[in-house]
Protein backbone atom coordinates (compact mmCIF):
# COMPACT_ATOMS: atom_id res chain seq x y z
CA MET A 1 0.10 -0.25 0.24
CA ALA A 2 1.14 3.08 -1.19
CA LYS A 3 2.45 5.66 1.60
CA ILE A 4 0.42 8.95 2.02
CA ARG A 5 2.49 12.11 1.38
CA ILE A 6 1.76 15.42 2.67
CA PRO A 7 3.36 18.55 2.19
CA LEU A 8 5.40 20.19 5.22
CA LEU A 9 4.62 16.71 7.46
CA VAL A 10 7.71 15.11 9.21
CA GLY A 11 8.19 12.05 10.84
CA LYS A 12 11.16 11.64 13.13
CA THR A 13 11.52 8.16 14.72
CA ASN A 14 13.57 7.46 17.59
CA LYS A 15 16.19 4.53 18.14
CA ALA A 16 13.06 3.19 19.96
CA GLY A 17 11.26 3.06 16.51
CA ILE A 18 8.59 5.59 18.01
CA THR A 19 7.71 8.41 15.09
CA SER A 20 6.81 11.72 16.35
CA TRP A 21 5.00 14.30 13.93
CA TYR A 22 5.47 17.27 13.14
CA TRP A 23 4.26 20.07 11.06
CA GLN A 24 7.59 22.05 9.46
CA PRO A 25 6.89 25.44 7.58
CA SER A 26 9.62 26.27 4.53
CA LYS A 27 11.74 28.61 4.91
CA THR A 28 9.35 31.26 3.33
CA LEU A 29 7.09 30.30 5.12
CA ALA A 30 8.81 30.69 8.32
CA ASP A 31 9.93 34.64 7.33
CA ALA A 32 6.71 35.05 7.25
CA GLY A 33 5.99 33.97 10.56
CA TRP A 34 4.40 30.24 10.80
CA LYS A 35 5.77 28.17 12.86
CA PRO A 36 6.51 24.38 13.49
CA ILE A 37 3.99 22.52 15.13
CA SER A 38 4.21 19.20 16.88
CA LEU A 39 1.54 17.09 15.85
CA GLY A 40 2.05 14.05 18.18
CA LYS A 41 2.64 10.18 17.41
CA ASP A 42 -0.52 9.50 16.55
CA GLU A 43 -0.35 9.05 12.32
CA GLY A 44 -3.44 9.58 11.15
CA ALA A 45 -4.04 12.40 13.51
CA ALA A 46 -1.22 13.89 12.53
CA LEU A 47 -2.29 13.43 8.65
CA ALA A 48 -5.37 15.44 9.98
CA ALA A 49 -3.86 18.24 11.33
CA ALA A 50 -0.96 18.70 8.68
CA ARG A 51 -3.95 18.84 6.23
CA ALA A 52 -5.47 21.57 8.33
CA GLU A 53 -2.99 23.31 8.54
CA ASN A 54 -2.18 22.99 4.54
CA ARG A 55 -5.67 24.54 4.51
CA LYS A 56 -5.06 27.96 6.17
CA VAL A 57 -1.83 28.42 4.96
CA GLU A 58 -3.68 27.97 1.35
CA GLU A 59 -6.00 30.67 2.09
CA TRP A 60 -3.81 32.65 3.19
CA LYS A 61 -1.65 32.63 -0.10
CA ALA A 62 -4.84 33.60 -1.34
CA GLY A 63 -5.17 36.52 0.27
CA GLY A 64 -7.73 35.31 3.08
CA ASP A 65 -7.94 35.31 6.78
CA ARG A 66 -4.53 34.61 8.47
CA PRO A 67 -3.59 33.55 12.61
CA ALA A 68 -2.66 35.91 14.45
CA GLY A 69 0.99 36.47 14.32
CA ILE A 70 1.44 35.91 10.68
CA ASP A 71 2.82 38.68 8.25
CA LYS A 72 -0.01 39.81 5.21
CA LYS A 73 0.38 37.35 2.19
CA GLN A 74 1.24 40.18 -0.41
CA GLN A 75 -0.15 39.01 -4.44
CA ASN A 76 2.59 38.95 -6.98
CA GLY A 77 2.57 42.16 -8.87
CA THR A 78 1.47 44.22 -6.01
CA PHE A 79 3.32 47.19 -4.13
CA GLY A 80 2.95 45.72 -1.46
CA ALA A 81 4.90 42.72 -3.06
CA LEU A 82 7.47 45.19 -4.19
CA ILE A 83 7.82 46.70 -0.52
CA GLU A 84 8.46 43.14 0.74
CA ARG A 85 10.82 42.16 -1.83
CA TYR A 86 12.54 45.39 -0.81
CA ARG A 87 12.72 44.48 2.96
CA ARG A 88 14.18 41.49 1.87
CA GLU A 89 17.17 42.19 -0.71
CA ARG A 90 17.87 45.56 0.39
CA LEU A 91 16.77 46.04 3.82
CA HIS A 92 17.93 42.54 5.37
CA GLY A 93 20.22 41.81 2.66
CA VAL A 94 23.67 41.22 2.51
CA ASN A 95 26.45 42.03 0.25
CA ALA A 96 29.62 40.10 -1.30
CA SER A 97 31.58 38.67 1.26
CA GLY A 98 27.94 38.39 3.92
CA ARG A 99 27.70 40.93 5.80
CA PRO A 100 24.67 42.88 6.40
CA LEU A 101 23.80 45.71 4.01
CA LEU A 102 22.62 48.27 6.72
CA LYS A 103 23.29 48.90 10.01
CA PRO A 104 20.47 47.24 12.11
CA ASN A 105 19.92 51.40 13.34
CA THR A 106 19.13 52.01 9.67
CA VAL A 107 17.40 49.13 8.83
CA LYS A 108 14.97 50.17 11.79
CA THR A 109 14.64 54.01 10.59
CA TYR A 110 12.70 52.49 6.89
CA LYS A 111 10.59 50.09 8.67
CA PRO A 112 7.88 52.57 9.99
CA ALA A 113 8.12 54.31 6.60
CA LEU A 114 7.65 50.47 5.12
CA ARG A 115 4.55 50.34 7.18
CA ARG A 116 3.19 52.78 6.08
CA LEU A 117 3.38 52.69 2.95
CA GLU A 118 1.99 49.50 2.59
CA GLU A 119 -1.14 50.39 4.13
CA TRP A 120 -1.31 53.67 1.89
CA ALA A 121 -0.86 51.25 -1.88
CA GLY A 122 0.19 47.57 -0.41
CA LYS A 123 -3.16 46.09 -2.07
CA HIS A 124 -2.40 47.63 -5.50
CA PRO A 125 -0.77 46.94 -8.82
CA VAL A 126 3.38 48.69 -9.32
CA ALA A 127 1.41 51.02 -11.73
CA PHE A 128 -0.88 52.51 -8.87
CA VAL A 129 1.82 54.14 -7.46
CA THR A 130 1.70 57.56 -10.11
CA ALA A 131 3.04 60.55 -10.14
CA ALA A 132 -0.51 62.46 -9.55
CA ARG A 133 -1.09 59.65 -6.09
CA VAL A 134 2.11 60.73 -4.66
CA THR A 135 1.38 64.36 -5.09
CA ALA A 136 -1.48 63.37 -3.25
CA LEU A 137 0.19 61.25 -0.68
CA ARG A 138 2.34 64.27 -0.20
CA LYS A 139 -0.38 66.60 1.03
CA ALA A 140 -2.36 64.23 3.01
CA VAL A 141 0.69 63.38 5.15
CA ALA A 142 3.16 66.45 4.68
CA ARG A 143 0.02 68.51 7.47
CA PRO A 144 0.63 69.52 10.83
CA ILE A 145 1.01 66.43 13.09
CA ALA A 146 -1.72 68.25 14.99
CA ASP A 147 -4.09 67.85 11.98
CA GLY A 148 -3.14 64.43 11.50
CA GLY A 149 -0.32 64.53 9.41
CA LEU A 150 3.16 63.05 10.12
CA GLY A 151 4.68 66.82 9.99
CA HIS A 152 7.14 67.80 7.20
CA ALA A 153 10.47 65.39 8.72
CA GLY A 154 8.20 63.12 9.27
CA ALA A 155 6.72 63.19 5.98
CA HIS A 156 9.98 64.10 3.93
CA HIS A 157 11.55 60.70 5.15
CA LEU A 158 7.93 58.64 3.89
CA LEU A 159 8.13 60.34 0.65
CA LYS A 160 12.31 59.54 0.35
CA THR A 161 11.42 56.07 1.31
CA LEU A 162 8.68 55.90 -1.22
CA ARG A 163 11.18 56.90 -4.00
CA LEU A 164 13.78 55.03 -2.71
CA VAL A 165 11.72 52.01 -3.37
CA MET A 166 10.38 52.64 -6.67
CA ALA A 167 13.95 53.37 -7.86
CA PHE A 168 14.59 49.39 -6.30
CA ALA A 169 12.02 48.82 -8.85
CA GLU A 170 13.38 50.47 -11.63
CA SER A 171 16.61 48.99 -10.80
CA GLU A 172 15.03 45.20 -10.71
CA ASP A 173 12.70 45.92 -13.97
CA ILE A 174 9.78 45.89 -12.53
CA ILE A 175 9.18 49.33 -14.60
CA PRO A 176 10.74 51.58 -16.89
CA LYS A 177 14.23 53.28 -16.70
CA GLY A 178 13.29 56.96 -15.73
CA SER A 179 9.94 56.40 -14.74
CA ASN A 180 9.92 56.81 -11.04
CA PRO A 181 7.05 58.29 -9.94
CA ALA A 182 8.63 59.30 -6.55
CA THR A 183 11.72 61.53 -8.02
CA SER A 184 10.80 64.27 -7.30
CA PHE A 185 7.66 64.43 -4.51
CA GLY A 186 7.58 68.33 -4.30
CA LEU A 187 8.88 68.49 -0.65
CA GLY A 188 12.02 70.08 0.69
CA ALA A 189 14.90 68.32 3.33
CA PRO A 190 13.10 70.08 6.67
CA PRO A 191 15.55 72.24 8.09
CA SER A 192 18.16 70.85 10.25
CA ARG A 193 16.95 70.52 13.97
CA LYS A 194 19.05 72.78 16.34
CA VAL A 195 17.07 72.55 19.29
CA ILE A 196 19.17 72.11 22.57
CA TRP A 197 19.11 72.19 26.07
CA THR A 198 19.27 74.56 28.80
CA PRO A 199 20.45 74.16 32.35
CA GLU A 200 17.44 74.33 33.31
CA ASP A 201 16.08 71.37 31.04
CA ASP A 202 18.32 69.54 32.80
CA ALA A 203 17.74 70.02 36.39
CA ALA A 204 13.73 70.18 34.89
CA PHE A 205 14.06 66.68 33.97
CA ASP A 206 16.24 64.97 36.58
CA ALA A 207 14.00 66.35 39.36
CA ALA A 208 10.69 64.90 37.10
CA ALA A 209 12.77 61.58 36.79
CA TYR A 210 13.40 61.12 40.91
CA ASP A 211 9.62 62.09 41.78
CA LEU A 212 8.82 59.22 39.59
CA GLY A 213 10.82 56.95 41.08
CA LEU A 214 13.37 57.14 38.16
CA PRO A 215 16.75 57.59 38.67
CA SER A 216 18.66 55.81 36.20
CA MET A 217 16.66 57.52 33.73
CA ALA A 218 17.95 61.05 35.47
CA LEU A 219 21.66 59.15 35.10
CA ALA A 220 20.67 58.23 31.69
CA ARG A 221 20.82 61.59 30.55
CA GLU A 222 23.81 62.62 32.17
CA LEU A 223 25.89 60.23 31.09
CA ALA A 224 24.09 61.34 27.68
CA LEU A 225 25.44 64.88 27.94
CA PHE A 226 28.65 64.23 29.45
CA THR A 227 29.50 61.19 26.16
CA ALA A 228 27.32 62.42 23.60
CA GLN A 229 26.29 59.22 22.66
CA ARG A 230 23.03 57.34 21.29
CA GLU A 231 21.08 55.54 23.33
CA SER A 232 21.08 52.05 21.99
CA ASP A 233 24.80 52.38 23.08
CA LEU A 234 24.30 53.63 26.61
CA ILE A 235 21.30 51.09 27.30
CA ALA A 236 23.75 48.39 26.82
CA PHE A 237 25.94 49.77 28.78
CA THR A 238 26.87 47.07 31.50
CA GLU A 239 29.13 46.68 34.58
CA GLY A 240 31.85 44.83 31.90
CA GLN A 241 32.71 48.25 29.95
CA LEU A 242 33.70 50.26 33.23
CA THR A 243 36.67 49.46 32.85
CA GLU A 244 40.52 51.16 33.64
CA LEU A 245 42.20 53.47 31.66
CA GLU A 246 45.47 54.16 30.91
CA ILE A 247 46.51 57.36 31.04
CA PHE A 248 50.27 58.61 31.02
CA ASP A 249 49.73 62.07 30.85
CA ARG A 250 49.97 62.80 34.67
CA GLY A 251 48.01 65.99 35.18
CA THR A 252 45.66 64.65 33.10
CA ARG A 253 45.40 61.73 35.03
CA GLU A 254 44.63 63.57 38.85
CA LEU A 255 41.60 65.44 36.80
CA LEU A 256 40.55 62.09 36.31
CA ALA A 257 41.57 59.65 38.58
CA GLY A 258 39.05 59.09 41.60
CA GLU A 259 39.80 57.86 45.47
CA ASP A 260 41.79 55.26 44.30
CA GLY A 261 43.73 56.77 41.74
CA LYS A 262 42.59 54.79 38.77
CA VAL A 263 40.75 56.45 36.09
CA MET A 264 38.05 54.63 34.98
CA GLY A 265 35.72 54.81 31.76
CA TRP A 266 33.05 53.69 29.00
CA THR A 267 34.66 51.35 26.81
CA PHE A 268 32.47 49.81 24.09
CA ALA A 269 32.28 49.20 20.00
CA GLN A 270 29.99 52.46 18.97
CA GLU A 271 28.62 50.61 15.94
CA LYS A 272 28.29 53.20 12.88
CA THR A 273 25.42 53.34 10.59
CA SER A 274 26.72 53.09 8.10
CA ASP A 275 28.24 49.88 6.47
CA ASP A 276 31.05 52.65 4.85
CA ASP A 277 32.16 53.04 8.19
CA ALA A 278 33.53 50.03 10.79
CA ASP A 279 33.08 50.60 14.46
CA THR A 280 34.56 53.11 16.25
CA TRP A 281 36.06 51.70 19.54
CA MET A 282 35.89 54.30 22.17
CA GLU A 283 37.27 54.75 25.70
CA ILE A 284 35.92 57.55 26.79
CA PRO A 285 36.83 58.25 30.78
CA ILE A 286 33.97 59.01 33.92
CA GLU A 287 34.43 62.52 35.91
CA PRO A 288 35.17 61.25 39.68
CA LYS A 289 32.11 62.87 40.37
CA LEU A 290 29.45 61.13 37.49
CA LEU A 291 31.75 58.15 38.23
CA VAL A 292 30.25 58.00 41.70
CA LYS A 293 26.85 58.38 40.31
CA LEU A 294 27.50 55.23 38.39
CA ASN A 295 28.86 53.21 40.86
CA ALA A 296 26.11 54.13 43.01
CA ALA A 297 23.71 53.11 40.16
CA LEU A 298 25.65 49.17 39.59
CA ARG A 299 25.63 48.68 43.16
CA ARG A 300 21.83 49.13 43.90
CA ASN A 301 21.18 47.59 40.46
CA ARG A 302 23.38 44.23 41.51
CA ALA A 303 21.27 43.84 44.77
CA ARG A 304 18.01 43.82 42.34
CA ASP A 305 19.48 41.47 40.24
CA ARG A 306 20.76 39.14 42.47
CA ALA A 307 17.14 38.85 44.47
CA ALA A 308 15.39 38.61 40.88
CA LYS A 309 14.24 35.31 40.50
CA PRO A 310 15.80 33.68 38.15
CA ARG A 311 19.04 35.49 39.13
CA ARG A 312 20.56 38.15 36.39
CA LEU A 313 24.31 37.36 36.60
CA LEU A 314 25.27 41.00 33.93
CA SER A 315 23.90 43.45 35.65
CA TYR A 316 23.26 46.89 33.51
CA VAL A 317 24.38 50.82 34.24
CA ILE A 318 20.55 52.05 33.19
CA VAL A 319 17.61 49.47 33.93
CA ASP A 320 13.88 49.84 33.72
CA GLU A 321 12.92 50.42 37.74
CA ASP A 322 9.09 50.63 36.31
CA ASN A 323 9.92 46.52 35.25
CA ASP A 324 11.88 45.00 38.06
CA GLY A 325 15.21 47.12 36.60
CA ILE A 326 15.88 44.75 33.88
CA PRO A 327 17.92 46.27 30.97
CA PHE A 328 15.85 47.93 28.09
CA ASN A 329 15.26 48.17 25.09
CA GLU A 330 15.03 50.84 22.61
CA ARG A 331 11.21 51.07 22.63
CA ARG A 332 10.74 50.93 26.12
CA PHE A 333 13.59 53.26 26.82
CA ILE A 334 12.47 56.09 24.77
CA ARG A 335 8.42 55.47 26.60
CA ARG A 336 10.42 56.60 29.75
CA TRP A 337 11.58 58.85 28.45
CA ASN A 338 8.85 60.73 26.86
CA LYS A 339 7.31 59.73 30.84
CA VAL A 340 9.63 61.69 32.34
CA ILE A 341 9.62 64.66 29.71
CA ASP A 342 5.81 65.01 30.19
CA HIS A 343 5.66 64.70 33.80
CA ALA A 344 8.78 67.52 33.51
CA VAL A 345 6.21 69.97 31.61
CA LYS A 346 3.52 69.32 34.25
CA THR A 347 5.59 70.25 37.22
CA THR A 348 7.56 72.66 35.81
CA GLY A 349 5.60 74.46 32.96
CA ARG A 350 8.16 74.26 31.21
CA LYS A 351 6.25 73.73 27.82
CA SER A 352 9.26 74.43 25.42
CA MET A 353 10.64 70.77 26.81
CA GLU A 354 8.30 69.17 24.63
CA ASN A 355 9.92 69.13 21.73
CA LEU A 356 13.23 67.72 23.34
CA VAL A 357 14.55 64.28 21.99
CA TRP A 358 17.15 62.12 23.35
CA HIS A 359 19.41 62.98 20.49
CA ASP A 360 19.42 66.93 21.72
CA LEU A 361 21.43 65.64 23.88
CA ARG A 362 24.49 64.99 21.73
CA ARG A 363 23.82 68.10 20.17
CA THR A 364 24.19 69.57 22.80
CA ARG A 365 27.15 68.64 24.28
CA VAL A 366 28.64 69.56 20.75
CA VAL A 367 27.19 72.66 21.10
CA ARG A 368 28.95 73.36 24.45
CA LEU A 369 31.96 71.94 23.91
CA ARG A 370 32.44 73.83 21.00
CA ARG A 371 31.86 77.36 23.43
CA ARG A 372 34.46 75.92 24.91
CA LYS A 373 36.64 76.77 22.05
CA MET A 374 37.49 73.27 22.08
CA PRO A 375 39.21 71.50 18.50
CA LYS A 376 36.72 69.84 16.49
CA GLU A 377 39.65 66.67 16.57
CA MET A 378 39.26 66.89 20.40
CA ILE A 379 34.88 66.92 19.67
CA ALA A 380 35.83 64.00 17.88
CA SER A 381 37.56 62.07 19.81
CA ILE A 382 34.35 62.39 22.19
CA THR A 383 31.73 61.52 19.50
CA GLY A 384 33.30 59.18 18.06
CA HIS A 385 32.56 60.68 14.69
CA SER A 386 35.42 61.06 11.46
CA LEU A 387 37.26 64.55 11.56
CA ALA A 388 35.14 65.09 8.20
CA ALA A 389 31.77 64.06 10.15
CA ILE A 390 32.62 67.05 12.72
CA GLU A 391 32.97 69.14 10.02
CA ALA A 392 29.29 68.68 8.71
CA MET A 393 27.89 67.94 12.08
CA LEU A 394 29.30 71.88 13.33
CA LYS A 395 28.28 73.84 10.77
CA VAL A 396 24.02 72.44 12.04
CA TYR A 397 25.10 71.53 14.96
CA GLY A 398 26.54 75.27 15.74
CA PRO A 399 25.02 77.75 15.18
CA VAL A 400 26.64 81.67 15.37
CA ASP A 401 27.43 81.29 18.60
CA PRO A 402 27.26 83.97 21.26
CA THR A 403 30.45 82.76 22.98
CA ILE A 404 32.67 82.97 20.09
CA THR A 405 30.40 85.99 18.63
CA ALA A 406 31.02 87.94 22.48
CA ALA A 407 35.12 87.06 21.88
CA ALA A 408 34.91 88.55 18.05
CA ILE A 409 33.04 91.85 19.70
CA ALA A 410 35.01 92.28 22.52
CA SER A 411 38.49 91.94 20.36
CA SER A 412 37.31 94.65 17.88
CA LEU A 413 36.24 97.02 20.80
CA ASP A 414 40.17 97.01 22.12
CA THR A 415 40.88 97.67 18.88
CA LEU A 416 38.25 100.92 18.57
CA ALA A 417 39.02 101.84 22.37
CA ALA A 418 42.88 102.63 21.67
CA THR A 419 42.89 105.16 19.84
CA PRO A 420 40.58 108.09 21.75
CA ILE A 421 42.12 106.97 25.40
CA ALA A 422 45.48 107.18 23.92
CA ASP A 423 44.37 110.93 22.03
CA GLU A 424 42.41 111.83 25.73
CA GLN A 425 46.23 111.02 27.47
CA GLU A 426 47.81 113.04 24.64
CA LYS A 427 45.62 116.21 25.10
CA SER A 428 46.56 115.38 29.17
CA ALA A 429 50.47 116.38 28.47
């Protein structure tokens, strides 16, 4: 009697001769969210269950209902299928040597825009995306956020992402060369952000963090302002990254050493957003007063970690006090950050703080260092940028600076004042 074969049904026989049955999705199905299913040892029941699961897959492939956790199946030739392919080949693609084409942080910036574009035109053929419809999309999303739009910056990012997707379609001969309908979408790049924190903002944020019982957030702000690093690196700061640094200049060492005479610093690989740039190994000395706070936080976190069930054997500097002190992921960190900002605005009335974001701290550090007339080489050694990147950044982050302007005015006044004073002295002689 012929053996019945069911697609995706797999039997595994152990040494005792007992066969266990599994429904095993293909790679394509697994990538879409389908999970393997254990079907037990009864062959008849396993055959029936595998057939039922395969019917679900066929319904999904036809664009019908999909189980929870399964991505929508995009039909061939649709704009949604184009985006699916763009994700697979560009966002998550690799080069000839097997390295990812894009850094994880870069990939994250495109995901929300691609989801919005799918919602906009995913079920339609690629030809649905015309210049006229791109214009209509621009008008819809470029409205202020308060009016239901994405604002200038959000709309520009969405339309720029659409241009990239359609350029991919051109390169793959899905649409004719030179027919990208989003080449000129009629919305200029948003002006460079120039918001910086004030000392009053610093104090209001820290007070709000402590009032909410979130001291890690106050320490995160202070560390961010001191080190000028991204939140992804800071929330990954573990006790093992706090190490003794070899500082050979005696004067520098005396300024930075703690009570034990050691200079301690944060050492880590700063991940770049572009694959063109190699990750940078950073060694940032922590000044003594901030080091005291950092060590106190680690002691609290270690005690909490050891008391947890199961015990956590690696302690982080910045943790989620609202969630038993576990390490943050970026989404939860931003939620906590916004919670503190909202509380600071509510308790101080500083409405301007509503516009502050984490990255503004990085900008603030650069501007404050520039006001101290620090050379760009020294600024770059703190932030981890290349010199070329620092020069470009200072054009944006370092607008006309009152400290430098004041120095220029003072210098000119000294020159101008010399002649009248000398004239008066000659007259009195």
